[in-house]
N, C-alpha and C. Protein backbone atom coordinates (compact mmCIF):
# COMPACT_ATOMS: atom_id res chain seq x y z
N MET A 1 -11.86 37.07 20.71
CA MET A 1 -12.63 35.92 21.13
C MET A 1 -13.90 35.78 20.29
N LEU A 2 -14.55 36.89 20.00
CA LEU A 2 -15.75 36.86 19.18
C LEU A 2 -15.42 36.34 17.79
N TRP A 3 -14.24 36.72 17.29
CA TRP A 3 -13.81 36.25 15.98
C TRP A 3 -13.71 34.72 15.97
N ALA A 4 -13.16 34.14 17.02
CA ALA A 4 -13.00 32.68 17.11
C ALA A 4 -14.36 32.00 17.14
N VAL A 5 -15.31 32.56 17.84
CA VAL A 5 -16.65 31.99 17.91
C VAL A 5 -17.31 32.06 16.54
N LEU A 6 -17.21 33.22 15.87
CA LEU A 6 -17.79 33.36 14.53
C LEU A 6 -17.11 32.42 13.54
N PHE A 7 -15.80 32.26 13.66
CA PHE A 7 -15.06 31.37 12.78
C PHE A 7 -15.53 29.93 12.99
N LYS A 8 -15.70 29.52 14.24
CA LYS A 8 -16.15 28.16 14.54
C LYS A 8 -17.57 27.94 14.02
N ILE A 9 -18.44 28.91 14.16
CA ILE A 9 -19.79 28.78 13.63
C ILE A 9 -19.75 28.65 12.11
N LYS A 10 -18.88 29.42 11.46
CA LYS A 10 -18.76 29.34 10.00
C LYS A 10 -18.28 27.94 9.59
N ILE A 11 -17.32 27.37 10.34
CA ILE A 11 -16.82 26.04 10.03
C ILE A 11 -17.94 25.01 10.20
N MET A 12 -18.72 25.13 11.25
CA MET A 12 -19.77 24.16 11.49
C MET A 12 -20.88 24.26 10.44
N ARG A 13 -21.04 25.41 9.86
CA ARG A 13 -22.08 25.56 8.85
C ARG A 13 -21.73 24.85 7.56
N GLY A 14 -20.50 24.84 7.20
CA GLY A 14 -20.09 24.25 5.93
C GLY A 14 -19.06 23.16 6.17
N GLY A 15 -18.55 22.65 5.06
CA GLY A 15 -17.53 21.63 5.18
C GLY A 15 -16.91 21.31 3.84
N TYR A 16 -15.89 20.48 3.90
CA TYR A 16 -15.14 20.11 2.71
C TYR A 16 -15.26 18.60 2.49
N ASP A 17 -15.18 18.21 1.22
CA ASP A 17 -15.15 16.78 0.91
C ASP A 17 -13.71 16.33 0.82
N LEU A 18 -13.49 15.10 0.38
CA LEU A 18 -12.13 14.55 0.32
C LEU A 18 -11.22 15.29 -0.65
N TYR A 19 -11.80 15.90 -1.66
CA TYR A 19 -11.01 16.56 -2.70
C TYR A 19 -10.90 18.07 -2.48
N GLY A 20 -11.35 18.53 -1.31
CA GLY A 20 -11.20 19.94 -0.98
C GLY A 20 -12.29 20.84 -1.51
N ASN A 21 -13.36 20.28 -2.01
CA ASN A 21 -14.48 21.10 -2.47
C ASN A 21 -15.27 21.57 -1.25
N TYR A 22 -15.61 22.83 -1.23
CA TYR A 22 -16.34 23.40 -0.10
C TYR A 22 -17.85 23.30 -0.34
N TYR A 23 -18.57 22.93 0.71
CA TYR A 23 -20.02 22.88 0.69
C TYR A 23 -20.55 23.79 1.80
N PRO A 24 -21.47 24.68 1.48
CA PRO A 24 -21.99 25.58 2.51
C PRO A 24 -22.75 24.85 3.62
N ASN A 25 -23.28 23.68 3.31
CA ASN A 25 -24.03 22.91 4.28
C ASN A 25 -23.17 21.72 4.71
N ALA A 26 -23.02 21.52 6.01
CA ALA A 26 -22.17 20.43 6.53
C ALA A 26 -22.69 19.07 6.11
N ASN A 27 -24.01 18.90 6.04
CA ASN A 27 -24.57 17.61 5.61
C ASN A 27 -24.23 17.31 4.16
N ASP A 28 -24.24 18.34 3.32
CA ASP A 28 -23.86 18.14 1.92
C ASP A 28 -22.40 17.72 1.82
N ALA A 29 -21.56 18.35 2.63
CA ALA A 29 -20.14 17.99 2.63
C ALA A 29 -19.95 16.56 3.10
N LEU A 30 -20.67 16.18 4.15
CA LEU A 30 -20.57 14.81 4.65
C LEU A 30 -21.06 13.80 3.62
N ASN A 31 -22.18 14.10 2.97
CA ASN A 31 -22.71 13.20 1.94
C ASN A 31 -21.74 13.06 0.78
N ALA A 32 -21.13 14.18 0.37
CA ALA A 32 -20.15 14.12 -0.72
C ALA A 32 -18.95 13.29 -0.31
N GLU A 33 -18.49 13.48 0.92
CA GLU A 33 -17.33 12.72 1.39
C GLU A 33 -17.65 11.23 1.46
N LEU A 34 -18.83 10.89 1.96
CA LEU A 34 -19.22 9.47 2.03
C LEU A 34 -19.33 8.86 0.63
N ALA A 35 -19.88 9.62 -0.31
CA ALA A 35 -19.99 9.12 -1.68
C ALA A 35 -18.61 8.90 -2.28
N GLN A 36 -17.68 9.81 -1.99
CA GLN A 36 -16.32 9.65 -2.50
C GLN A 36 -15.63 8.46 -1.86
N CYS A 37 -15.86 8.25 -0.57
CA CYS A 37 -15.28 7.07 0.10
C CYS A 37 -15.84 5.78 -0.51
N ASN A 38 -17.13 5.77 -0.78
CA ASN A 38 -17.74 4.60 -1.42
C ASN A 38 -17.16 4.35 -2.79
N GLU A 39 -16.93 5.42 -3.54
CA GLU A 39 -16.35 5.28 -4.88
C GLU A 39 -14.95 4.68 -4.79
N ILE A 40 -14.16 5.14 -3.83
CA ILE A 40 -12.81 4.60 -3.65
C ILE A 40 -12.88 3.13 -3.24
N ASP A 41 -13.77 2.81 -2.30
CA ASP A 41 -13.93 1.41 -1.87
C ASP A 41 -14.34 0.52 -3.04
N ASN A 42 -15.27 1.00 -3.85
CA ASN A 42 -15.71 0.21 -5.01
C ASN A 42 -14.58 -0.03 -5.99
N ARG A 43 -13.77 0.99 -6.22
CA ARG A 43 -12.63 0.84 -7.14
C ARG A 43 -11.65 -0.19 -6.60
N LEU A 44 -11.34 -0.11 -5.30
CA LEU A 44 -10.41 -1.07 -4.70
C LEU A 44 -10.98 -2.48 -4.75
N ASN A 45 -12.28 -2.62 -4.50
CA ASN A 45 -12.92 -3.94 -4.57
C ASN A 45 -12.89 -4.49 -5.99
N ARG A 46 -13.14 -3.63 -6.99
CA ARG A 46 -13.08 -4.10 -8.39
C ARG A 46 -11.67 -4.57 -8.74
N GLU A 47 -10.66 -3.82 -8.30
CA GLU A 47 -9.28 -4.23 -8.57
C GLU A 47 -8.97 -5.58 -7.92
N LYS A 48 -9.44 -5.77 -6.69
CA LYS A 48 -9.22 -7.05 -6.01
C LYS A 48 -9.95 -8.19 -6.72
N MET A 49 -11.20 -7.93 -7.16
CA MET A 49 -11.95 -8.95 -7.91
C MET A 49 -11.26 -9.30 -9.22
N ASP A 50 -10.75 -8.29 -9.92
CA ASP A 50 -10.03 -8.55 -11.17
C ASP A 50 -8.81 -9.42 -10.92
N GLU A 51 -8.09 -9.14 -9.84
CA GLU A 51 -6.91 -9.93 -9.50
C GLU A 51 -7.30 -11.37 -9.16
N LEU A 52 -8.37 -11.54 -8.40
CA LEU A 52 -8.81 -12.90 -8.05
C LEU A 52 -9.30 -13.66 -9.28
N GLU A 53 -10.01 -12.99 -10.19
CA GLU A 53 -10.46 -13.64 -11.42
C GLU A 53 -9.28 -14.04 -12.29
N ARG A 54 -8.24 -13.18 -12.33
CA ARG A 54 -7.04 -13.52 -13.10
C ARG A 54 -6.35 -14.75 -12.51
N LYS A 55 -6.25 -14.81 -11.19
CA LYS A 55 -5.63 -15.97 -10.55
C LYS A 55 -6.44 -17.23 -10.79
N LEU A 56 -7.77 -17.12 -10.72
CA LEU A 56 -8.63 -18.27 -10.98
C LEU A 56 -8.46 -18.75 -12.42
N HIS A 57 -8.40 -17.83 -13.36
CA HIS A 57 -8.22 -18.19 -14.76
C HIS A 57 -6.89 -18.91 -14.97
N GLU A 58 -5.84 -18.43 -14.29
CA GLU A 58 -4.54 -19.09 -14.41
C GLU A 58 -4.58 -20.51 -13.85
N GLN A 59 -5.34 -20.71 -12.78
CA GLN A 59 -5.43 -22.04 -12.20
C GLN A 59 -6.21 -23.00 -13.10
N GLN A 60 -7.17 -22.48 -13.84
CA GLN A 60 -7.98 -23.33 -14.70
C GLN A 60 -7.32 -23.59 -16.04
N ARG A 61 -6.28 -22.87 -16.35
CA ARG A 61 -5.57 -23.04 -17.62
C ARG A 61 -4.86 -24.39 -17.61
N PRO A 62 -4.91 -25.10 -18.75
CA PRO A 62 -4.23 -26.41 -18.79
C PRO A 62 -2.71 -26.24 -18.70
N SER A 63 -2.06 -27.27 -18.19
CA SER A 63 -0.60 -27.22 -18.10
C SER A 63 0.00 -27.26 -19.50
N ASN A 64 1.26 -26.94 -19.59
CA ASN A 64 1.94 -26.95 -20.90
C ASN A 64 1.93 -28.36 -21.50
N GLU A 65 2.12 -29.38 -20.68
CA GLU A 65 2.12 -30.75 -21.18
C GLU A 65 0.75 -31.12 -21.76
N GLU A 66 -0.33 -30.72 -21.06
CA GLU A 66 -1.67 -31.00 -21.56
C GLU A 66 -1.93 -30.26 -22.87
N GLU A 67 -1.46 -29.04 -22.93
CA GLU A 67 -1.67 -28.26 -24.14
C GLU A 67 -0.89 -28.84 -25.32
N ILE A 68 0.34 -29.28 -25.07
CA ILE A 68 1.14 -29.91 -26.12
C ILE A 68 0.47 -31.20 -26.59
N HIS A 69 -0.02 -31.99 -25.66
CA HIS A 69 -0.71 -33.23 -26.00
C HIS A 69 -1.93 -32.93 -26.88
N TRP A 70 -2.70 -31.93 -26.51
CA TRP A 70 -3.88 -31.54 -27.29
C TRP A 70 -3.47 -31.10 -28.70
N LEU A 71 -2.40 -30.33 -28.78
CA LEU A 71 -1.94 -29.87 -30.10
C LEU A 71 -1.48 -31.04 -30.97
N TRP A 72 -0.79 -32.01 -30.38
CA TRP A 72 -0.37 -33.18 -31.14
C TRP A 72 -1.58 -33.96 -31.66
N GLU A 73 -2.60 -34.07 -30.83
CA GLU A 73 -3.83 -34.74 -31.27
C GLU A 73 -4.44 -34.02 -32.47
N LYS A 74 -4.48 -32.71 -32.40
CA LYS A 74 -5.03 -31.92 -33.52
C LYS A 74 -4.18 -32.08 -34.78
N ILE A 75 -2.87 -32.10 -34.60
CA ILE A 75 -1.98 -32.29 -35.75
C ILE A 75 -2.23 -33.65 -36.38
N ASN A 76 -2.35 -34.69 -35.56
CA ASN A 76 -2.61 -36.04 -36.07
C ASN A 76 -3.96 -36.09 -36.80
N GLN A 77 -4.97 -35.45 -36.25
CA GLN A 77 -6.27 -35.42 -36.92
C GLN A 77 -6.17 -34.73 -38.27
N LEU A 78 -5.46 -33.64 -38.32
CA LEU A 78 -5.31 -32.92 -39.59
C LEU A 78 -4.52 -33.75 -40.61
N GLU A 79 -3.49 -34.43 -40.15
CA GLU A 79 -2.71 -35.28 -41.06
C GLU A 79 -3.59 -36.40 -41.62
N GLU A 80 -4.44 -36.99 -40.77
CA GLU A 80 -5.35 -38.04 -41.25
C GLU A 80 -6.32 -37.48 -42.30
N ARG A 81 -6.85 -36.33 -42.06
CA ARG A 81 -7.78 -35.73 -43.03
C ARG A 81 -7.08 -35.41 -44.35
N ILE A 82 -5.84 -34.92 -44.22
CA ILE A 82 -5.08 -34.61 -45.44
C ILE A 82 -4.83 -35.90 -46.24
N SER A 83 -4.47 -36.96 -45.55
CA SER A 83 -4.21 -38.22 -46.27
C SER A 83 -5.48 -38.75 -46.90
N ILE A 84 -6.63 -38.62 -46.25
CA ILE A 84 -7.91 -39.04 -46.84
C ILE A 84 -8.20 -38.21 -48.08
N LEU A 85 -7.99 -36.91 -48.00
CA LEU A 85 -8.23 -36.04 -49.15
C LEU A 85 -7.27 -36.34 -50.30
N GLU A 86 -6.03 -36.67 -49.99
CA GLU A 86 -5.05 -36.99 -51.04
C GLU A 86 -5.44 -38.30 -51.74
N ARG A 87 -5.96 -39.25 -50.98
CA ARG A 87 -6.39 -40.52 -51.60
C ARG A 87 -7.57 -40.33 -52.51
N ARG A 88 -8.44 -39.42 -52.20
CA ARG A 88 -9.63 -39.16 -53.00
C ARG A 88 -9.28 -38.50 -54.33
N SER A 89 -8.21 -37.75 -54.35
CA SER A 89 -7.89 -37.04 -55.59
C SER A 89 -6.99 -37.81 -56.51
């Protein structure tokens, strides 16, 4: 029985973080665990933000028809410039 009491006191004195690192002081273990939880939360939030930014970028991208129309306009502009340059020479 004394062994169980001593064992419980030893457990209360120290603690472990999420990755199994032992800390002699329970508050240090708790602080380490909270910091690790915050790090995990931040990583998950960054991943979610990246996904939302990617979806937003896809929504703002012009449709294929708009892009083709824009390319045709550029081609026509280049052809006009080429014809002007050919006339000058």
